[in-house]
Protein backbone atom coordinates (compact mmCIF):
# COMPACT_ATOMS: atom_id res chain seq x y z
CA MET A 1 9.94 56.36 -11.29
CA LEU A 2 7.49 58.60 -9.57
CA ARG A 3 7.37 59.71 -6.15
CA LEU A 4 4.87 60.70 -3.54
CA HIS A 5 5.96 62.28 -0.31
CA ARG A 6 4.12 60.95 2.75
CA ASP A 7 4.78 62.60 5.99
CA ARG A 8 8.27 61.47 6.52
CA VAL A 9 8.23 58.58 3.98
CA ASP A 10 8.72 58.94 0.18
CA LEU A 11 6.91 56.33 -1.78
CA VAL A 12 8.14 55.27 -5.22
CA PHE A 13 5.41 54.32 -7.91
CA ASN A 14 4.88 53.84 -11.43
CA VAL A 15 2.19 54.02 -13.78
CA ALA A 16 1.42 52.19 -17.08
CA GLY A 17 -1.27 52.24 -19.71
CA VAL A 18 -3.87 55.18 -20.53
CA ARG A 19 -5.87 57.15 -18.23
CA SER A 20 -8.80 56.92 -20.42
CA ALA A 21 -8.85 53.12 -20.06
CA ALA A 22 -11.78 51.53 -18.82
CA SER A 23 -10.66 50.71 -15.23
CA THR A 24 -7.65 51.57 -12.86
CA VAL A 25 -5.76 48.59 -11.13
CA LEU A 26 -3.49 49.21 -8.15
CA LEU A 27 -0.95 46.40 -7.65
CA THR A 28 0.34 45.96 -4.01
CA HIS A 29 3.17 43.22 -3.83
CA GLY A 30 3.87 40.98 -0.95
CA PHE A 31 6.45 41.19 2.12
CA ALA A 32 10.04 41.63 1.12
CA ALA A 33 8.92 42.00 -2.59
CA THR A 34 8.72 44.96 -4.47
CA SER A 35 6.63 46.37 -7.38
CA GLN A 36 9.10 44.46 -9.75
CA MET A 37 7.32 41.28 -9.10
CA PHE A 38 4.53 42.52 -11.44
CA SER A 39 7.07 43.55 -14.23
CA GLY A 40 6.22 40.71 -16.44
CA ASN A 41 2.59 41.04 -15.89
CA ILE A 42 2.32 45.05 -16.81
CA PRO A 43 2.60 44.83 -20.44
CA SER A 44 -0.56 42.66 -21.01
CA LEU A 45 -2.66 44.44 -18.14
CA ALA A 46 -1.51 47.85 -19.62
CA GLN A 47 -3.23 47.21 -23.00
CA ASN A 48 -6.62 47.78 -21.76
CA HIS A 49 -6.21 49.42 -18.28
CA PHE A 50 -4.40 51.96 -16.22
CA ALA A 51 -1.99 50.29 -13.78
CA ILE A 52 -0.48 51.55 -10.77
CA THR A 53 2.68 49.58 -9.24
CA TRP A 54 4.42 50.85 -6.15
CA ASP A 55 7.06 49.81 -3.61
CA MET A 56 5.38 49.80 0.10
CA ARG A 57 6.93 51.86 2.93
CA GLY A 58 10.33 49.90 4.00
CA HIS A 59 10.29 48.17 0.80
CA GLY A 60 12.30 48.53 -2.50
CA ARG A 61 13.38 52.17 -3.54
CA SER A 62 10.60 53.67 -1.12
CA GLY A 63 11.46 55.25 2.07
CA ALA A 64 12.57 53.01 4.95
CA PRO A 65 12.98 55.06 8.24
CA ASP A 66 14.35 53.75 11.29
CA ASP A 67 11.23 54.70 13.33
CA PRO A 68 8.78 51.64 13.97
CA SER A 69 5.96 53.90 14.47
CA LEU A 70 5.83 54.58 10.98
CA TYR A 71 4.94 50.95 10.20
CA THR A 72 1.27 50.37 10.91
CA VAL A 73 -1.64 49.14 8.84
CA PRO A 74 -3.36 52.47 9.04
CA LEU A 75 -0.42 54.31 7.44
CA VAL A 76 -0.35 51.74 4.61
CA LEU A 77 -4.10 52.08 3.90
CA ASP A 78 -3.36 55.98 4.01
CA ASP A 79 -0.52 55.52 1.39
CA MET A 80 -2.89 53.81 -0.70
CA VAL A 81 -5.45 56.45 -0.38
CA GLY A 82 -2.65 59.10 -1.15
CA LEU A 83 -1.46 57.19 -4.35
CA LEU A 84 -5.04 57.25 -5.78
CA ASP A 85 -5.59 60.67 -4.84
CA GLN A 86 -2.30 61.80 -6.41
CA LEU A 87 -3.37 60.33 -9.64
CA ASP A 88 -7.06 61.63 -9.36
CA VAL A 89 -8.43 58.00 -9.14
CA PRO A 90 -11.54 58.02 -7.44
CA ARG A 91 -12.13 54.07 -7.45
CA ALA A 92 -9.53 51.31 -8.44
CA THR A 93 -9.56 47.31 -8.62
CA LEU A 94 -7.16 46.23 -5.96
CA LEU A 95 -4.76 43.56 -7.06
CA GLY A 96 -2.48 42.47 -3.86
CA HIS A 97 -0.13 39.53 -3.69
CA SER A 98 0.08 37.92 -0.10
CA VAL A 99 0.26 40.57 2.63
CA GLY A 100 -0.62 42.94 -0.32
CA GLY A 101 -3.74 40.98 -0.66
CA PHE A 102 -4.55 41.12 3.24
CA LEU A 103 -3.78 45.24 2.92
CA SER A 104 -6.13 44.97 0.14
CA LEU A 105 -8.83 43.41 1.94
CA GLU A 106 -8.34 45.80 4.73
CA PHE A 107 -8.61 48.71 2.28
CA ALA A 108 -12.00 47.39 1.14
CA LEU A 109 -13.39 47.24 4.67
CA ALA A 110 -12.11 50.73 5.34
CA HIS A 111 -12.75 52.51 2.20
CA PRO A 112 -15.50 50.65 0.17
CA ASP A 113 -16.47 53.60 -1.78
CA ARG A 114 -12.72 53.48 -3.47
CA VAL A 115 -13.01 49.89 -4.64
CA ASP A 116 -14.37 48.60 -7.90
CA GLY A 117 -13.05 45.06 -7.44
CA LEU A 118 -10.42 42.85 -5.74
CA ILE A 119 -7.98 40.36 -7.24
CA LEU A 120 -6.39 38.47 -4.20
CA VAL A 121 -3.14 36.51 -5.09
CA ASP A 122 -1.80 33.84 -2.75
CA THR A 123 -3.70 35.63 0.20
CA GLY A 124 -4.59 34.67 3.59
CA PRO A 125 -7.77 35.99 5.17
CA GLY A 126 -6.35 35.99 8.79
CA PHE A 127 -7.15 33.60 11.80
CA ARG A 128 -9.84 33.00 14.12
CA ARG A 129 -7.82 31.07 16.49
CA ASP A 130 -5.23 32.78 18.83
CA GLU A 131 -2.84 29.84 18.62
CA ALA A 132 -2.79 29.79 14.57
CA ARG A 133 -2.33 33.49 14.57
CA ASP A 134 0.57 33.10 17.09
CA GLY A 135 2.00 30.81 14.65
CA TRP A 136 1.73 33.21 11.95
CA ASN A 137 3.17 36.01 14.18
CA ALA A 138 6.19 33.91 15.21
CA MET A 139 7.02 33.43 11.44
CA ALA A 140 6.92 36.97 11.02
CA GLU A 141 9.38 37.45 13.96
CA ARG A 142 11.77 34.68 12.35
CA TYR A 143 11.77 36.79 9.35
CA ALA A 144 12.66 39.87 11.50
CA THR A 145 15.12 38.34 13.56
CA SER A 146 16.84 36.81 10.25
CA LEU A 147 17.01 40.24 8.44
CA ALA A 148 18.42 41.80 11.63
CA GLU A 149 21.11 39.34 11.91
CA ARG A 150 22.05 38.97 8.24
CA GLY A 151 20.86 42.02 6.78
CA LEU A 152 19.31 41.58 3.13
CA ALA A 153 20.87 38.10 3.00
CA GLY A 154 18.39 36.91 5.50
CA LEU A 155 15.51 37.41 3.17
CA PRO A 156 13.17 34.46 2.83
CA ALA A 157 13.20 32.38 -0.42
CA GLY A 158 10.87 33.17 -3.27
CA ALA A 159 10.37 33.65 -6.89
CA GLU A 160 9.34 37.32 -6.24
CA LEU A 161 11.79 38.11 -3.79
CA SER A 162 15.19 39.79 -4.66
CA ALA A 163 17.82 41.16 -2.17
CA GLY A 164 19.15 43.71 -4.85
CA SER A 165 15.60 45.41 -5.20
CA HIS A 166 16.01 46.98 -1.56
CA ARG A 167 18.17 49.57 -0.29
CA THR A 168 18.17 48.16 3.23
CA ALA A 169 16.84 45.52 5.53
CA THR A 170 15.59 48.11 8.27
CA GLY A 171 12.11 48.91 7.06
CA LEU A 172 11.57 45.18 6.19
CA ILE A 173 12.41 44.52 9.74
CA HIS A 174 9.99 47.00 11.14
CA PHE A 175 7.18 46.13 8.59
CA ALA A 176 7.53 42.61 9.37
CA ARG A 177 7.01 42.98 13.31
CA ARG A 178 4.32 45.87 12.92
CA VAL A 179 2.44 45.12 9.81
CA LEU A 180 2.95 41.74 8.78
CA THR A 181 1.94 40.42 12.22
CA GLN A 182 -1.79 40.16 12.93
CA ARG A 183 -3.67 41.08 15.96
CA ASP A 184 -7.25 39.91 15.57
CA ALA A 185 -9.79 38.29 13.24
CA SER A 186 -11.51 41.59 11.99
CA VAL A 187 -10.63 40.90 8.38
CA LEU A 188 -11.81 37.24 8.56
CA ASN A 189 -14.93 38.25 10.14
CA GLY A 190 -15.48 41.20 7.39
CA LEU A 191 -15.38 38.88 4.57
CA PRO A 192 -19.10 38.54 4.00
CA SER A 193 -19.66 42.37 3.92
CA ILE A 194 -17.13 42.75 1.05
CA ASP A 195 -19.40 42.38 -1.69
CA VAL A 196 -17.47 43.82 -4.81
CA PRO A 197 -16.63 41.48 -7.42
CA THR A 198 -13.53 39.47 -6.39
CA LEU A 199 -11.07 36.93 -8.18
CA VAL A 200 -9.12 34.93 -5.64
CA ILE A 201 -6.21 33.39 -7.44
CA VAL A 202 -3.82 30.50 -5.71
CA GLY A 203 -0.90 28.49 -7.01
CA ALA A 204 -1.94 24.86 -6.68
CA GLN A 205 1.54 23.99 -5.22
CA ASP A 206 1.15 26.90 -2.40
CA THR A 207 -0.37 24.56 -0.01
CA ASN A 208 -0.08 27.11 3.06
CA PHE A 209 -2.64 29.39 1.01
CA VAL A 210 -5.05 26.93 -0.81
CA ALA A 211 -7.32 26.47 2.17
CA GLY A 212 -7.51 30.09 3.06
CA SER A 213 -8.46 30.99 -0.69
CA GLU A 214 -11.08 28.50 -0.89
CA TYR A 215 -12.41 29.98 2.43
CA MET A 216 -12.42 33.63 1.12
CA ALA A 217 -13.99 32.54 -1.99
CA ALA A 218 -16.73 30.92 -0.21
CA LYS A 219 -17.29 33.66 2.42
CA MET A 220 -17.24 36.56 -0.01
CA PRO A 221 -20.69 37.26 -1.85
CA ASN A 222 -19.22 37.97 -5.06
CA ALA A 223 -16.04 35.93 -5.27
CA ARG A 224 -14.73 33.17 -7.40
CA LEU A 225 -11.67 31.03 -7.08
CA ILE A 226 -9.15 30.16 -9.54
CA VAL A 227 -6.23 27.71 -8.77
CA ILE A 228 -3.47 27.80 -11.08
CA PRO A 229 -1.75 24.40 -11.79
CA ASP A 230 2.33 24.12 -11.63
CA ALA A 231 2.49 27.28 -9.83
CA GLY A 232 3.55 28.27 -6.39
CA HIS A 233 3.16 31.37 -3.91
CA ALA A 234 3.82 34.02 -7.19
CA PRO A 235 1.75 32.45 -9.92
CA ASN A 236 2.09 35.51 -11.72
CA ILE A 237 5.78 34.78 -12.10
CA ASP A 238 5.33 30.91 -12.22
CA ARG A 239 2.58 30.78 -14.92
CA PRO A 240 2.19 34.40 -16.26
CA ASP A 241 0.26 33.45 -19.25
CA VAL A 242 -2.61 31.84 -17.23
CA PHE A 243 -2.54 34.44 -14.67
CA ASP A 244 -2.75 37.33 -17.34
CA ARG A 245 -5.57 35.62 -18.96
CA ARG A 246 -7.50 35.17 -15.81
CA VAL A 247 -6.88 38.77 -14.72
CA GLN A 248 -7.88 40.05 -18.17
CA GLU A 249 -11.20 38.01 -18.21
CA PHE A 250 -12.34 39.30 -14.75
CA LEU A 251 -11.42 42.96 -15.52
CA ALA A 252 -13.33 42.75 -18.88
CA ALA A 253 -16.43 41.22 -17.21
CA ASN A 254 -16.12 43.76 -14.39
CA ASP A 255 -15.90 46.92 -16.84
CA ALA A 256 -18.78 45.56 -18.88
CA ALA A 257 -20.83 45.24 -15.69
CA ARG A 258 -20.22 48.86 -15.04
CA GLN A 259 -21.26 50.14 -18.25
């Protein structure tokens, strides 16, 4: 377990694989999950790549300060830059799950010179209509309220979620209200400008994210869609065999194209 001190927040991260590998992959988990959600995929990924997993601020073993101002999208993007800089990685492929995928899209728009490719796992592109965005934000507030009332016992259900992975619910509450919530359609509107190779993966049973995944694959100029059967919101856990193979194929093709 490695640590990066970021202002008033310590971030916990791990690395696997060899630095001389063809490419680096930065894996970002979803809301209320941790880097542990990728533990079953790292052995395959690290065979040919340098993999970085981390617990976002407020999650897992990373710092979870009780100061709402320390939970913003720009700060999380700066965390990602800090991790890459700490490891002297100029560019990486970003693999993000759910809100981790949305933040990876935000990162690609803010720092296109640091991105070799994107792997978006059960990720949504945001909302154009205010009423749809309001519905998403109401869900985020329900998560926050449940955690505030019940502590870690208030975590939502999910194959990638485990209350024992977190030290406290405090950071999750602030993250839900200030990072998980959305305020505009800037990411959705920016999709056509993200031209790096992109693999959009979604579990066939994750009905809330299939349409959004199809939309991203259609709007991004260099994207393709993989729908994994018999998988829900965490296809890397439900069907690791298919997930790992598809990711390896995508990375191998991108590595070959850059040579």
